[in-house]
Amino acid sequence: QVQLVESGGGLVQPGGSLRLSCAASGSGSIFRMYDMGWYRQAPEKSGDLVATITRGGRINYADSVKGRFTIARDNAKNTVYLQMNRLKPEDTAVYYCKVHYLVWDYWGQGTQVTVSS
C-alpha cells in the first residue's frame, strides 16, 4: 500500500513562491515506475490537473500554470515536487499528489495553498 504525504502549503502573497513536496512511503524502489501528478481543487470547483511527470520523465502542465510552475521528481528520495512561482489568487486551492501505477491510483491527503494579500 502506497502512502503519500504532501507538505509545503501555506499562505503566500500574490507574486510569491511555494514548493510543495509529496513523499511516498511503502513503495521502495518501485517509486521510479510511478507516474506522478499534482492536482488541485478550489472551493466550489471541480478538481483540475496541475502538472504530471511520467516514469520516463515526460512532463505536462495545465495551460494556467505553464511558465510559473515546475514539477520534478527525485527517485532516490521517493519524492515529487511542485515549485510554484509568481503565484496568483486564482491558484488558491487544496493541492493533491497522485500516483498512478499499472491499474492503481493513490492520492495524498492534500495541502492547502492560499494566495492572498
PDB file of N, CA and C in Angstrom:
ATOM      1  N   GLN A   1       0.840  -1.182   0.000  1.00  0.00           N
ATOM      2  CA  GLN A   1       0.000   0.000   0.000  1.00  0.00           C
ATOM      3  C   GLN A   1       0.882   1.242   0.000  1.00  0.00           C
ATOM      4  N   VAL A   2       0.651   2.106  -0.962  1.00  0.00           N
ATOM      5  CA  VAL A   2       1.424   3.341  -1.064  1.00  0.00           C
ATOM      6  C   VAL A   2       0.751   4.427  -0.238  1.00  0.00           C
ATOM      7  N   GLN A   3       1.538   5.125   0.524  1.00  0.00           N
ATOM      8  CA  GLN A   3       1.031   6.276   1.270  1.00  0.00           C
ATOM      9  C   GLN A   3       1.764   7.522   0.800  1.00  0.00           C
ATOM     10  N   LEU A   4       1.000   8.572   0.578  1.00  0.00           N
ATOM     11  CA  LEU A   4       1.550   9.829   0.083  1.00  0.00           C
ATOM     12  C   LEU A   4       1.312  10.915   1.117  1.00  0.00           C
ATOM     13  N   VAL A   5       2.338  11.680   1.389  1.00  0.00           N
ATOM     14  CA  VAL A   5       2.213  12.778   2.346  1.00  0.00           C
ATOM     15  C   VAL A   5       2.704  14.054   1.684  1.00  0.00           C
ATOM     16  N   GLU A   6       1.779  15.001   1.509  1.00  0.00           N
ATOM     17  CA  GLU A   6       2.135  16.290   0.927  1.00  0.00           C
ATOM     18  C   GLU A   6       2.532  17.267   2.029  1.00  0.00           C
ATOM     19  N   SER A   7       3.385  18.198   1.669  1.00  0.00           N
ATOM     20  CA  SER A   7       3.771  19.256   2.592  1.00  0.00           C
ATOM     21  C   SER A   7       4.190  20.475   1.788  1.00  0.00           C
ATOM     22  N   GLY A   8       4.305  21.603   2.473  1.00  0.00           N
ATOM     23  CA  GLY A   8       4.797  22.810   1.834  1.00  0.00           C
ATOM     24  C   GLY A   8       3.743  23.853   1.531  1.00  0.00           C
ATOM     25  N   GLY A   9       2.489  23.540   1.784  1.00  0.00           N
ATOM     26  CA  GLY A   9       1.445  24.525   1.537  1.00  0.00           C
ATOM     27  C   GLY A   9       1.479  25.635   2.566  1.00  0.00           C
ATOM     28  N   GLY A  10       0.657  26.645   2.333  1.00  0.00           N
ATOM     29  CA  GLY A  10       0.594  27.750   3.278  1.00  0.00           C
ATOM     30  C   GLY A  10      -0.024  28.983   2.661  1.00  0.00           C
ATOM     31  N   LEU A  11       0.144  30.096   3.358  1.00  0.00           N
ATOM     32  CA  LEU A  11      -0.375  31.387   2.907  1.00  0.00           C
ATOM     33  C   LEU A  11       0.771  32.192   2.308  1.00  0.00           C
ATOM     34  N   VAL A  12       0.553  32.722   1.122  1.00  0.00           N
ATOM     35  CA  VAL A  12       1.590  33.493   0.444  1.00  0.00           C
ATOM     36  C   VAL A  12       0.931  34.668  -0.273  1.00  0.00           C
ATOM     37  N   GLN A  13       1.661  35.746  -0.408  1.00  0.00           N
ATOM     38  CA  GLN A  13       1.145  36.908  -1.118  1.00  0.00           C
ATOM     39  C   GLN A  13       1.218  36.702  -2.625  1.00  0.00           C
ATOM     40  N   PRO A  14       0.358  37.377  -3.361  1.00  0.00           N
ATOM     41  CA  PRO A  14       0.456  37.292  -4.830  1.00  0.00           C
ATOM     42  C   PRO A  14       1.860  37.651  -5.298  1.00  0.00           C
ATOM     43  N   GLY A  15       2.348  36.857  -6.250  1.00  0.00           N
ATOM     44  CA  GLY A  15       3.705  37.038  -6.743  1.00  0.00           C
ATOM     45  C   GLY A  15       4.734  36.222  -6.001  1.00  0.00           C
ATOM     46  N   GLY A  16       4.342  35.625  -4.910  1.00  0.00           N
ATOM     47  CA  GLY A  16       5.266  34.833  -4.111  1.00  0.00           C
ATOM     48  C   GLY A  16       5.446  33.419  -4.636  1.00  0.00           C
ATOM     49  N   SER A  17       6.211  32.634  -3.864  1.00  0.00           N
ATOM     50  CA  SER A  17       6.547  31.269  -4.268  1.00  0.00           C
ATOM     51  C   SER A  17       6.321  30.294  -3.123  1.00  0.00           C
ATOM     52  N   LEU A  18       6.036  29.070  -3.495  1.00  0.00           N
ATOM     53  CA  LEU A  18       5.972  27.951  -2.570  1.00  0.00           C
ATOM     54  C   LEU A  18       6.502  26.717  -3.281  1.00  0.00           C
ATOM     55  N   ARG A  19       7.037  25.785  -2.489  1.00  0.00           N
ATOM     56  CA  ARG A  19       7.422  24.491  -3.051  1.00  0.00           C
ATOM     57  C   ARG A  19       6.691  23.405  -2.290  1.00  0.00           C
ATOM     58  N   LEU A  20       5.902  22.639  -3.022  1.00  0.00           N
ATOM     59  CA  LEU A  20       5.195  21.512  -2.440  1.00  0.00           C
ATOM     60  C   LEU A  20       6.043  20.254  -2.609  1.00  0.00           C
ATOM     61  N   SER A  21       5.944  19.374  -1.618  1.00  0.00           N
ATOM     62  CA  SER A  21       6.612  18.080  -1.682  1.00  0.00           C
ATOM     63  C   SER A  21       5.591  16.980  -1.448  1.00  0.00           C
ATOM     64  N   CYS A  22       5.824  15.846  -2.073  1.00  0.00           N
ATOM     65  CA  CYS A  22       4.977  14.680  -1.880  1.00  0.00           C
ATOM     66  C   CYS A  22       5.896  13.476  -1.715  1.00  0.00           C
ATOM     67  N   ALA A  23       5.932  12.953  -0.515  1.00  0.00           N
ATOM     68  CA  ALA A  23       6.789  11.823  -0.206  1.00  0.00           C
ATOM     69  C   ALA A  23       5.961  10.539  -0.198  1.00  0.00           C
ATOM     70  N   ALA A  24       6.460   9.545  -0.909  1.00  0.00           N
ATOM     71  CA  ALA A  24       5.774   8.262  -0.997  1.00  0.00           C
ATOM     72  C   ALA A  24       6.463   7.247  -0.101  1.00  0.00           C
ATOM     73  N   SER A  25       5.676   6.580   0.731  1.00  0.00           N
ATOM     74  CA  SER A  25       6.206   5.513   1.569  1.00  0.00           C
ATOM     75  C   SER A  25       5.520   4.211   1.189  1.00  0.00           C
ATOM     76  N   GLY A  26       6.199   3.133   1.483  1.00  0.00           N
ATOM     77  CA  GLY A  26       5.634   1.833   1.162  1.00  0.00           C
ATOM     78  C   GLY A  26       5.857   1.401  -0.277  1.00  0.00           C
ATOM     79  N   SER A  27       6.692   2.152  -0.999  1.00  0.00           N
ATOM     80  CA  SER A  27       6.875   1.829  -2.411  1.00  0.00           C
ATOM     81  C   SER A  27       8.278   1.324  -2.719  1.00  0.00           C
ATOM     82  N   GLY A  28       9.256   1.687  -1.898  1.00  0.00           N
ATOM     83  CA  GLY A  28      10.620   1.262  -2.134  1.00  0.00           C
ATOM     84  C   GLY A  28      11.119   1.701  -3.492  1.00  0.00           C
ATOM     85  N   SER A  29      11.841   0.803  -4.144  1.00  0.00           N
ATOM     86  CA  SER A  29      12.454   1.143  -5.429  1.00  0.00           C
ATOM     87  C   SER A  29      11.437   1.189  -6.561  1.00  0.00           C
ATOM     88  N   ILE A  30      10.211   0.766  -6.310  1.00  0.00           N
ATOM     89  CA  ILE A  30       9.181   0.810  -7.350  1.00  0.00           C
ATOM     90  C   ILE A  30       8.779   2.244  -7.646  1.00  0.00           C
ATOM     91  N   PHE A  31       9.104   3.196  -6.774  1.00  0.00           N
ATOM     92  CA  PHE A  31       8.707   4.590  -6.982  1.00  0.00           C
ATOM     93  C   PHE A  31       9.087   5.064  -8.369  1.00  0.00           C
ATOM     94  N   ARG A  32      10.242   4.623  -8.872  1.00  0.00           N
ATOM     95  CA  ARG A  32      10.697   5.090 -10.181  1.00  0.00           C
ATOM     96  C   ARG A  32       9.775   4.607 -11.306  1.00  0.00           C
ATOM     97  N   MET A  33       8.917   3.666 -11.006  1.00  0.00           N
ATOM     98  CA  MET A  33       7.982   3.145 -12.004  1.00  0.00           C
ATOM     99  C   MET A  33       6.650   3.897 -12.006  1.00  0.00           C
ATOM    100  N   TYR A  34       6.494   4.809 -11.057  1.00  0.00           N
ATOM    101  CA  TYR A  34       5.230   5.516 -10.931  1.00  0.00           C
ATOM    102  C   TYR A  34       5.154   6.696 -11.898  1.00  0.00           C
ATOM    103  N   ASP A  35       3.963   6.932 -12.402  1.00  0.00           N
ATOM    104  CA  ASP A  35       3.640   8.218 -12.995  1.00  0.00           C
ATOM    105  C   ASP A  35       3.066   9.074 -11.867  1.00  0.00           C
ATOM    106  N   MET A  36       3.530  10.304 -11.763  1.00  0.00           N
ATOM    107  CA  MET A  36       3.159  11.163 -10.641  1.00  0.00           C
ATOM    108  C   MET A  36       2.452  12.404 -11.160  1.00  0.00           C
ATOM    109  N   GLY A  37       1.606  12.974 -10.304  1.00  0.00           N
ATOM    110  CA  GLY A  37       0.940  14.196 -10.716  1.00  0.00           C
ATOM    111  C   GLY A  37       0.495  15.038  -9.550  1.00  0.00           C
ATOM    112  N   TRP A  38       0.302  16.300  -9.826  1.00  0.00           N
ATOM    113  CA  TRP A  38      -0.288  17.235  -8.887  1.00  0.00           C
ATOM    114  C   TRP A  38      -1.621  17.715  -9.457  1.00  0.00           C
ATOM    115  N   TYR A  39      -2.610  17.745  -8.595  1.00  0.00           N
ATOM    116  CA  TYR A  39      -3.947  18.210  -8.947  1.00  0.00           C
ATOM    117  C   TYR A  39      -4.380  19.206  -7.883  1.00  0.00           C
ATOM    118  N   ARG A  40      -5.380  20.005  -8.202  1.00  0.00           N
ATOM    119  CA  ARG A  40      -5.863  20.956  -7.206  1.00  0.00           C
ATOM    120  C   ARG A  40      -7.370  21.105  -7.290  1.00  0.00           C
ATOM    121  N   GLN A  41      -7.943  21.470  -6.162  1.00  0.00           N
ATOM    122  CA  GLN A  41      -9.375  21.703  -6.124  1.00  0.00           C
ATOM    123  C   GLN A  41      -9.643  22.959  -5.319  1.00  0.00           C
ATOM    124  N   ALA A  42     -10.223  23.946  -5.987  1.00  0.00           N
ATOM    125  CA  ALA A  42     -10.618  25.186  -5.336  1.00  0.00           C
ATOM    126  C   ALA A  42     -12.037  25.031  -4.793  1.00  0.00           C
ATOM    127  N   PRO A  43     -12.421  25.865  -3.817  1.00  0.00           N
ATOM    128  CA  PRO A  43     -13.777  25.769  -3.265  1.00  0.00           C
ATOM    129  C   PRO A  43     -14.846  25.899  -4.339  1.00  0.00           C
ATOM    130  N   GLU A  44     -15.805  25.013  -4.306  1.00  0.00           N
ATOM    131  CA  GLU A  44     -16.960  25.025  -5.206  1.00  0.00           C
ATOM    132  C   GLU A  44     -16.562  24.872  -6.667  1.00  0.00           C
ATOM    133  N   LYS A  45     -15.410  24.269  -6.905  1.00  0.00           N
ATOM    134  CA  LYS A  45     -14.978  23.999  -8.281  1.00  0.00           C
ATOM    135  C   LYS A  45     -14.564  22.548  -8.395  1.00  0.00           C
ATOM    136  N   SER A  46     -14.555  22.040  -9.613  1.00  0.00           N
ATOM    137  CA  SER A  46     -14.101  20.676  -9.827  1.00  0.00           C
ATOM    138  C   SER A  46     -12.587  20.628  -9.771  1.00  0.00           C
ATOM    139  N   GLY A  47     -12.058  19.429  -9.564  1.00  0.00           N
ATOM    140  CA  GLY A  47     -10.616  19.281  -9.498  1.00  0.00           C
ATOM    141  C   GLY A  47      -9.972  19.449 -10.863  1.00  0.00           C
ATOM    142  N   ASP A  48      -8.762  19.994 -10.852  1.00  0.00           N
ATOM    143  CA  ASP A  48      -8.033  20.246 -12.091  1.00  0.00           C
ATOM    144  C   ASP A  48      -6.648  19.641 -12.027  1.00  0.00           C
ATOM    145  N   LEU A  49      -6.184  19.168 -13.170  1.00  0.00           N
ATOM    146  CA  LEU A  49      -4.798  18.745 -13.285  1.00  0.00           C
ATOM    147  C   LEU A  49      -3.913  19.980 -13.256  1.00  0.00           C
ATOM    148  N   VAL A  50      -2.815  19.893 -12.518  1.00  0.00           N
ATOM    149  CA  VAL A  50      -1.840  20.981 -12.487  1.00  0.00           C
ATOM    150  C   VAL A  50      -0.612  20.598 -13.310  1.00  0.00           C
ATOM    151  N   ALA A  51      -0.024  19.449 -12.989  1.00  0.00           N
ATOM    152  CA  ALA A  51       1.178  19.007 -13.693  1.00  0.00           C
ATOM    153  C   ALA A  51       1.360  17.514 -13.468  1.00  0.00           C
ATOM    154  N   THR A  52       1.943  16.857 -14.452  1.00  0.00           N
ATOM    155  CA  THR A  52       2.257  15.443 -14.331  1.00  0.00           C
ATOM    156  C   THR A  52       3.676  15.183 -14.805  1.00  0.00           C
ATOM    157  N   ILE A  53       4.252  14.124 -14.276  1.00  0.00           N
ATOM    158  CA  ILE A  53       5.569  13.675 -14.720  1.00  0.00           C
ATOM    159  C   ILE A  53       5.534  12.158 -14.760  1.00  0.00           C
ATOM    160  N   THR A  54       5.859  11.601 -15.916  1.00  0.00           N
ATOM    161  CA  THR A  54       5.795  10.154 -16.070  1.00  0.00           C
ATOM    162  C   THR A  54       7.055   9.499 -15.516  1.00  0.00           C
ATOM    163  N   ARG A  55       7.034   8.181 -15.475  1.00  0.00           N
ATOM    164  CA  ARG A  55       8.223   7.452 -15.009  1.00  0.00           C
ATOM    165  C   ARG A  55       9.401   7.683 -15.948  1.00  0.00           C
ATOM    166  N   GLY A  56       9.102   8.022 -17.185  1.00  0.00           N
ATOM    167  CA  GLY A  56      10.154   8.304 -18.140  1.00  0.00           C
ATOM    168  C   GLY A  56      10.597   9.760 -18.150  1.00  0.00           C
ATOM    169  N   GLY A  57       9.950  10.585 -17.319  1.00  0.00           N
ATOM    170  CA  GLY A  57      10.351  11.976 -17.218  1.00  0.00           C
ATOM    171  C   GLY A  57       9.595  12.925 -18.120  1.00  0.00           C
ATOM    172  N   ARG A  58       8.577  12.427 -18.821  1.00  0.00           N
ATOM    173  CA  ARG A  58       7.792  13.324 -19.663  1.00  0.00           C
ATOM    174  C   ARG A  58       6.896  14.176 -18.779  1.00  0.00           C
ATOM    175  N   ILE A  59       6.849  15.464 -19.070  1.00  0.00           N
ATOM    176  CA  ILE A  59       6.150  16.429 -18.224  1.00  0.00           C
ATOM    177  C   ILE A  59       5.024  17.106 -18.992  1.00  0.00           C
ATOM    178  N   ASN A  60       3.940  17.355 -18.274  1.00  0.00           N
ATOM    179  CA  ASN A  60       2.799  18.043 -18.851  1.00  0.00           C
ATOM    180  C   ASN A  60       2.279  19.045 -17.822  1.00  0.00           C
ATOM    181  N   TYR A  61       1.922  20.238 -18.283  1.00  0.00           N
ATOM    182  CA  TYR A  61       1.382  21.270 -17.407  1.00  0.00           C
ATOM    183  C   TYR A  61       0.028  21.752 -17.905  1.00  0.00           C
ATOM    184  N   ALA A  62      -0.805  22.157 -16.962  1.00  0.00           N
ATOM    185  CA  ALA A  62      -2.017  22.881 -17.334  1.00  0.00           C
ATOM    186  C   ALA A  62      -1.604  24.230 -17.918  1.00  0.00           C
ATOM    187  N   ASP A  63      -2.375  24.715 -18.886  1.00  0.00           N
ATOM    188  CA  ASP A  63      -2.037  25.989 -19.515  1.00  0.00           C
ATOM    189  C   ASP A  63      -1.946  27.117 -18.490  1.00  0.00           C
ATOM    190  N   SER A  64      -2.762  27.044 -17.457  1.00  0.00           N
ATOM    191  CA  SER A  64      -2.830  28.129 -16.484  1.00  0.00           C
ATOM    192  C   SER A  64      -1.576  28.257 -15.629  1.00  0.00           C
ATOM    193  N   VAL A  65      -0.725  27.215 -15.621  1.00  0.00           N
ATOM    194  CA  VAL A  65       0.465  27.266 -14.770  1.00  0.00           C
ATOM    195  C   VAL A  65       1.763  27.216 -15.565  1.00  0.00           C
ATOM    196  N   LYS A  66       1.671  27.046 -16.871  1.00  0.00           N
ATOM    197  CA  LYS A  66       2.882  26.979 -17.692  1.00  0.00           C
ATOM    198  C   LYS A  66       3.720  28.236 -17.522  1.00  0.00           C
ATOM    199  N   GLY A  67       5.027  28.015 -17.354  1.00  0.00           N
ATOM    200  CA  GLY A  67       5.937  29.139 -17.178  1.00  0.00           C
ATOM    201  C   GLY A  67       6.044  29.625 -15.746  1.00  0.00           C
ATOM    202  N   ARG A  68       5.168  29.141 -14.876  1.00  0.00           N
ATOM    203  CA  ARG A  68       5.201  29.556 -13.463  1.00  0.00           C
ATOM    204  C   ARG A  68       5.502  28.391 -12.523  1.00  0.00           C
ATOM    205  N   PHE A  69       5.004  27.208 -12.860  1.00  0.00           N
ATOM    206  CA  PHE A  69       5.164  26.041 -12.001  1.00  0.00           C
ATOM    207  C   PHE A  69       6.145  25.065 -12.647  1.00  0.00           C
ATOM    208  N   THR A  70       6.861  24.323 -11.800  1.00  0.00           N
ATOM    209  CA  THR A  70       7.785  23.300 -12.276  1.00  0.00           C
ATOM    210  C   THR A  70       7.608  22.043 -11.450  1.00  0.00           C
ATOM    211  N   ILE A  71       7.375  20.926 -12.118  1.00  0.00           N
ATOM    212  CA  ILE A  71       7.273  19.635 -11.437  1.00  0.00           C
ATOM    213  C   ILE A  71       8.604  18.901 -11.611  1.00  0.00           C
ATOM    214  N   ALA A  72       9.005  18.203 -10.567  1.00  0.00           N
ATOM    215  CA  ALA A  72      10.252  17.444 -10.622  1.00  0.00           C
ATOM    216  C   ALA A  72      10.121  16.253  -9.680  1.00  0.00           C
ATOM    217  N   ARG A  73      10.942  15.245  -9.921  1.00  0.00           N
ATOM    218  CA  ARG A  73      10.927  14.070  -9.065  1.00  0.00           C
ATOM    219  C   ARG A  73      12.341  13.691  -8.673  1.00  0.00           C
ATOM    220  N   ASP A  74      12.452  13.129  -7.485  1.00  0.00           N
ATOM    221  CA  ASP A  74      13.725  12.602  -7.007  1.00  0.00           C
ATOM    222  C   ASP A  74      13.468  11.148  -6.636  1.00  0.00           C
ATOM    223  N   ASN A  75      13.834  10.253  -7.520  1.00  0.00           N
ATOM    224  CA  ASN A  75      13.541   8.835  -7.279  1.00  0.00           C
ATOM    225  C   ASN A  75      14.328   8.282  -6.094  1.00  0.00           C
ATOM    226  N   ALA A  76      15.477   8.867  -5.811  1.00  0.00           N
ATOM    227  CA  ALA A  76      16.266   8.401  -4.676  1.00  0.00           C
ATOM    228  C   ALA A  76      15.587   8.718  -3.347  1.00  0.00           C
ATOM    229  N   LYS A  77      14.761   9.774  -3.354  1.00  0.00           N
ATOM    230  CA  LYS A  77      14.064  10.176  -2.138  1.00  0.00           C
ATOM    231  C   LYS A  77      12.585   9.812  -2.173  1.00  0.00           C
ATOM    232  N   ASN A  78      12.156   9.146  -3.234  1.00  0.00           N
ATOM    233  CA  ASN A  78      10.739   8.780  -3.387  1.00  0.00           C
ATOM    234  C   ASN A  78       9.833   9.998  -3.221  1.00  0.00           C
ATOM    235  N   THR A  79      10.222  11.080  -3.839  1.00  0.00           N
ATOM    236  CA  THR A  79       9.528  12.347  -3.644  1.00  0.00           C
ATOM    237  C   THR A  79       9.314  13.055  -4.976  1.00  0.00           C
ATOM    238  N   VAL A  80       8.163  13.694  -5.092  1.00  0.00           N
ATOM    239  CA  VAL A  80       7.885  14.555  -6.238  1.00  0.00           C
ATOM    240  C   VAL A  80       7.623  15.962  -5.697  1.00  0.00           C
ATOM    241  N   TYR A  81       8.060  16.950  -6.460  1.00  0.00           N
ATOM    242  CA  TYR A  81       7.979  18.340  -6.025  1.00  0.00           C
ATOM    243  C   TYR A  81       7.150  19.167  -7.003  1.00  0.00           C
ATOM    244  N   LEU A  82       6.614  20.252  -6.500  1.00  0.00           N
ATOM    245  CA  LEU A  82       5.968  21.237  -7.353  1.00  0.00           C
ATOM    246  C   LEU A  82       6.444  22.608  -6.901  1.00  0.00           C
ATOM    247  N   GLN A  83       7.320  23.216  -7.699  1.00  0.00           N
ATOM    248  CA  GLN A  83       7.788  24.567  -7.426  1.00  0.00           C
ATOM    249  C   GLN A  83       6.806  25.533  -8.058  1.00  0.00           C
ATOM    250  N   MET A  84       6.241  26.404  -7.248  1.00  0.00           N
ATOM    251  CA  MET A  84       5.221  27.336  -7.729  1.00  0.00           C
ATOM    252  C   MET A  84       5.734  28.760  -7.558  1.00  0.00           C
ATOM    253  N   ASN A  85       5.919  29.443  -8.666  1.00  0.00           N
ATOM    254  CA  ASN A  85       6.392  30.825  -8.668  1.00  0.00           C
ATOM    255  C   ASN A  85       5.313  31.752  -9.219  1.00  0.00           C
ATOM    256  N   ARG A  86       5.470  33.036  -8.936  1.00  0.00           N
ATOM    257  CA  ARG A  86       4.536  34.076  -9.422  1.00  0.00           C
ATOM    258  C   ARG A  86       3.102  33.652  -9.156  1.00  0.00           C
ATOM    259  N   LEU A  87       2.845  33.271  -7.931  1.00  0.00           N
ATOM    260  CA  LEU A  87       1.520  32.773  -7.559  1.00  0.00           C
ATOM    261  C   LEU A  87       0.464  33.858  -7.674  1.00  0.00           C
ATOM    262  N   LYS A  88      -0.737  33.429  -8.037  1.00  0.00           N
ATOM    263  CA  LYS A  88      -1.877  34.313  -8.221  1.00  0.00           C
ATOM    264  C   LYS A  88      -2.999  33.895  -7.280  1.00  0.00           C
ATOM    265  N   PRO A  89      -3.897  34.805  -6.964  1.00  0.00           N
ATOM    266  CA  PRO A  89      -5.035  34.423  -6.101  1.00  0.00           C
ATOM    267  C   PRO A  89      -5.828  33.240  -6.650  1.00  0.00           C
ATOM    268  N   GLU A  90      -5.904  33.128  -7.955  1.00  0.00           N
ATOM    269  CA  GLU A  90      -6.655  32.010  -8.545  1.00  0.00           C
ATOM    270  C   GLU A  90      -5.949  30.671  -8.412  1.00  0.00           C
ATOM    271  N   ASP A  91      -4.722  30.668  -7.900  1.00  0.00           N
ATOM    272  CA  ASP A  91      -4.030  29.412  -7.596  1.00  0.00           C
ATOM    273  C   ASP A  91      -4.456  28.853  -6.244  1.00  0.00           C
ATOM    274  N   THR A  92      -5.246  29.601  -5.495  1.00  0.00           N
ATOM    275  CA  THR A  92      -5.707  29.140  -4.191  1.00  0.00           C
ATOM    276  C   THR A  92      -6.539  27.870  -4.342  1.00  0.00           C
ATOM    277  N   ALA A  93      -6.136  26.830  -3.622  1.00  0.00           N
ATOM    278  CA  ALA A  93      -6.800  25.532  -3.728  1.00  0.00           C
ATOM    279  C   ALA A  93      -6.138  24.569  -2.748  1.00  0.00           C
ATOM    280  N   VAL A  94      -6.764  23.406  -2.612  1.00  0.00           N
ATOM    281  CA  VAL A  94      -6.089  22.276  -1.959  1.00  0.00           C
ATOM    282  C   VAL A  94      -5.370  21.507  -3.059  1.00  0.00           C
ATOM    283  N   TYR A  95      -4.096  21.281  -2.857  1.00  0.00           N
ATOM    284  CA  TYR A  95      -3.264  20.591  -3.843  1.00  0.00           C
ATOM    285  C   TYR A  95      -3.053  19.147  -3.406  1.00  0.00           C
ATOM    286  N   TYR A  96      -3.286  18.237  -4.351  1.00  0.00           N
ATOM    287  CA  TYR A  96      -3.193  16.811  -4.086  1.00  0.00           C
ATOM    288  C   TYR A  96      -2.123  16.182  -4.978  1.00  0.00           C
ATOM    289  N   CYS A  97      -1.420  15.246  -4.388  1.00  0.00           N
ATOM    290  CA  CYS A  97      -0.445  14.456  -5.116  1.00  0.00           C
ATOM    291  C   CYS A  97      -1.095  13.128  -5.491  1.00  0.00           C
ATOM    292  N   LYS A  98      -0.814  12.638  -6.681  1.00  0.00           N
ATOM    293  CA  LYS A  98      -1.355  11.370  -7.124  1.00  0.00           C
ATOM    294  C   LYS A  98      -0.283  10.493  -7.728  1.00  0.00           C
ATOM    295  N   VAL A  99      -0.373   9.209  -7.402  1.00  0.00           N
ATOM    296  CA  VAL A  99       0.469   8.184  -8.015  1.00  0.00           C
ATOM    297  C   VAL A  99      -0.414   7.329  -8.918  1.00  0.00           C
ATOM    298  N   HIS A 100       0.084   7.057 -10.109  1.00  0.00           N
ATOM    299  CA  HIS A 100      -0.565   6.078 -10.978  1.00  0.00           C
ATOM    300  C   HIS A 100       0.440   4.974 -11.281  1.00  0.00           C
ATOM    301  N   TYR A 101       0.040   3.749 -10.999  1.00  0.00           N
ATOM    302  CA  TYR A 101       0.915   2.598 -11.246  1.00  0.00           C
ATOM    303  C   TYR A 101       0.068   1.435 -11.707  1.00  0.00           C
ATOM    304  N   LEU A 102       0.303   0.978 -12.889  1.00  0.00           N
ATOM    305  CA  LEU A 102      -0.473  -0.105 -13.510  1.00  0.00           C
ATOM    306  C   LEU A 102      -1.960   0.285 -13.500  1.00  0.00           C
ATOM    307  N   VAL A 103      -2.764  -0.376 -12.711  1.00  0.00           N
ATOM    308  CA  VAL A 103      -4.202  -0.079 -12.688  1.00  0.00           C
ATOM    309  C   VAL A 103      -4.604   0.674 -11.428  1.00  0.00           C
ATOM    310  N   TRP A 104      -3.625   1.058 -10.626  1.00  0.00           N
ATOM    311  CA  TRP A 104      -3.937   1.687  -9.337  1.00  0.00           C
ATOM    312  C   TRP A 104      -3.635   3.175  -9.344  1.00  0.00           C
ATOM    313  N   ASP A 105      -4.472   3.901  -8.620  1.00  0.00           N
ATOM    314  CA  ASP A 105      -4.254   5.314  -8.322  1.00  0.00           C
ATOM    315  C   ASP A 105      -4.252   5.492  -6.807  1.00  0.00           C
ATOM    316  N   TYR A 106      -3.279   6.262  -6.323  1.00  0.00           N
ATOM    317  CA  TYR A 106      -3.210   6.587  -4.910  1.00  0.00           C
ATOM    318  C   TYR A 106      -3.140   8.102  -4.774  1.00  0.00           C
ATOM    319  N   TRP A 107      -3.837   8.607  -3.757  1.00  0.00           N
ATOM    320  CA  TRP A 107      -3.896  10.045  -3.534  1.00  0.00           C
ATOM    321  C   TRP A 107      -3.383  10.397  -2.140  1.00  0.00           C
ATOM    322  N   GLY A 108      -2.783  11.554  -2.032  1.00  0.00           N
ATOM    323  CA  GLY A 108      -2.416  12.088  -0.737  1.00  0.00           C
ATOM    324  C   GLY A 108      -3.603  12.796  -0.104  1.00  0.00           C
ATOM    325  N   GLN A 109      -3.367  13.328   1.096  1.00  0.00           N
ATOM    326  CA  GLN A 109      -4.446  13.951   1.849  1.00  0.00           C
ATOM    327  C   GLN A 109      -4.663  15.408   1.463  1.00  0.00           C
ATOM    328  N   GLY A 110      -3.732  15.976   0.723  1.00  0.00           N
ATOM    329  CA  GLY A 110      -3.868  17.350   0.254  1.00  0.00           C
ATOM    330  C   GLY A 110      -3.178  18.353   1.159  1.00  0.00           C
ATOM    331  N   THR A 111      -2.763  19.451   0.564  1.00  0.00           N
ATOM    332  CA  THR A 111      -2.180  20.555   1.315  1.00  0.00           C
ATOM    333  C   THR A 111      -2.767  21.866   0.791  1.00  0.00           C
ATOM    334  N   GLN A 112      -3.139  22.733   1.710  1.00  0.00           N
ATOM    335  CA  GLN A 112      -3.822  23.972   1.337  1.00  0.00           C
ATOM    336  C   GLN A 112      -2.813  25.019   0.896  1.00  0.00           C
ATOM    337  N   VAL A 113      -3.093  25.632  -0.235  1.00  0.00           N
ATOM    338  CA  VAL A 113      -2.326  26.775  -0.717  1.00  0.00           C
ATOM    339  C   VAL A 113      -3.281  27.957  -0.832  1.00  0.00           C
ATOM    340  N   THR A 114      -2.949  29.038  -0.148  1.00  0.00           N
ATOM    341  CA  THR A 114      -3.776  30.238  -0.181  1.00  0.00           C
ATOM    342  C   THR A 114      -2.918  31.407  -0.634  1.00  0.00           C
ATOM    343  N   VAL A 115      -3.355  32.057  -1.707  1.00  0.00           N
ATOM    344  CA  VAL A 115      -2.632  33.205  -2.244  1.00  0.00           C
ATOM    345  C   VAL A 115      -3.500  34.436  -2.012  1.00  0.00           C
ATOM    346  N   SER A 116      -3.051  35.284  -1.116  1.00  0.00           N
ATOM    347  CA  SER A 116      -3.852  36.436  -0.731  1.00  0.00           C
ATOM    348  C   SER A 116      -2.969  37.506  -0.125  1.00  0.00           C
ATOM    349  N   SER A 117      -3.355  38.753  -0.340  1.00  0.00           N
ATOM    350  CA  SER A 117      -2.640  39.856   0.285  1.00  0.00           C
ATOM    351  C   SER A 117      -3.309  40.259   1.604  1.00  0.00           C
TER     352      SER A 117
END
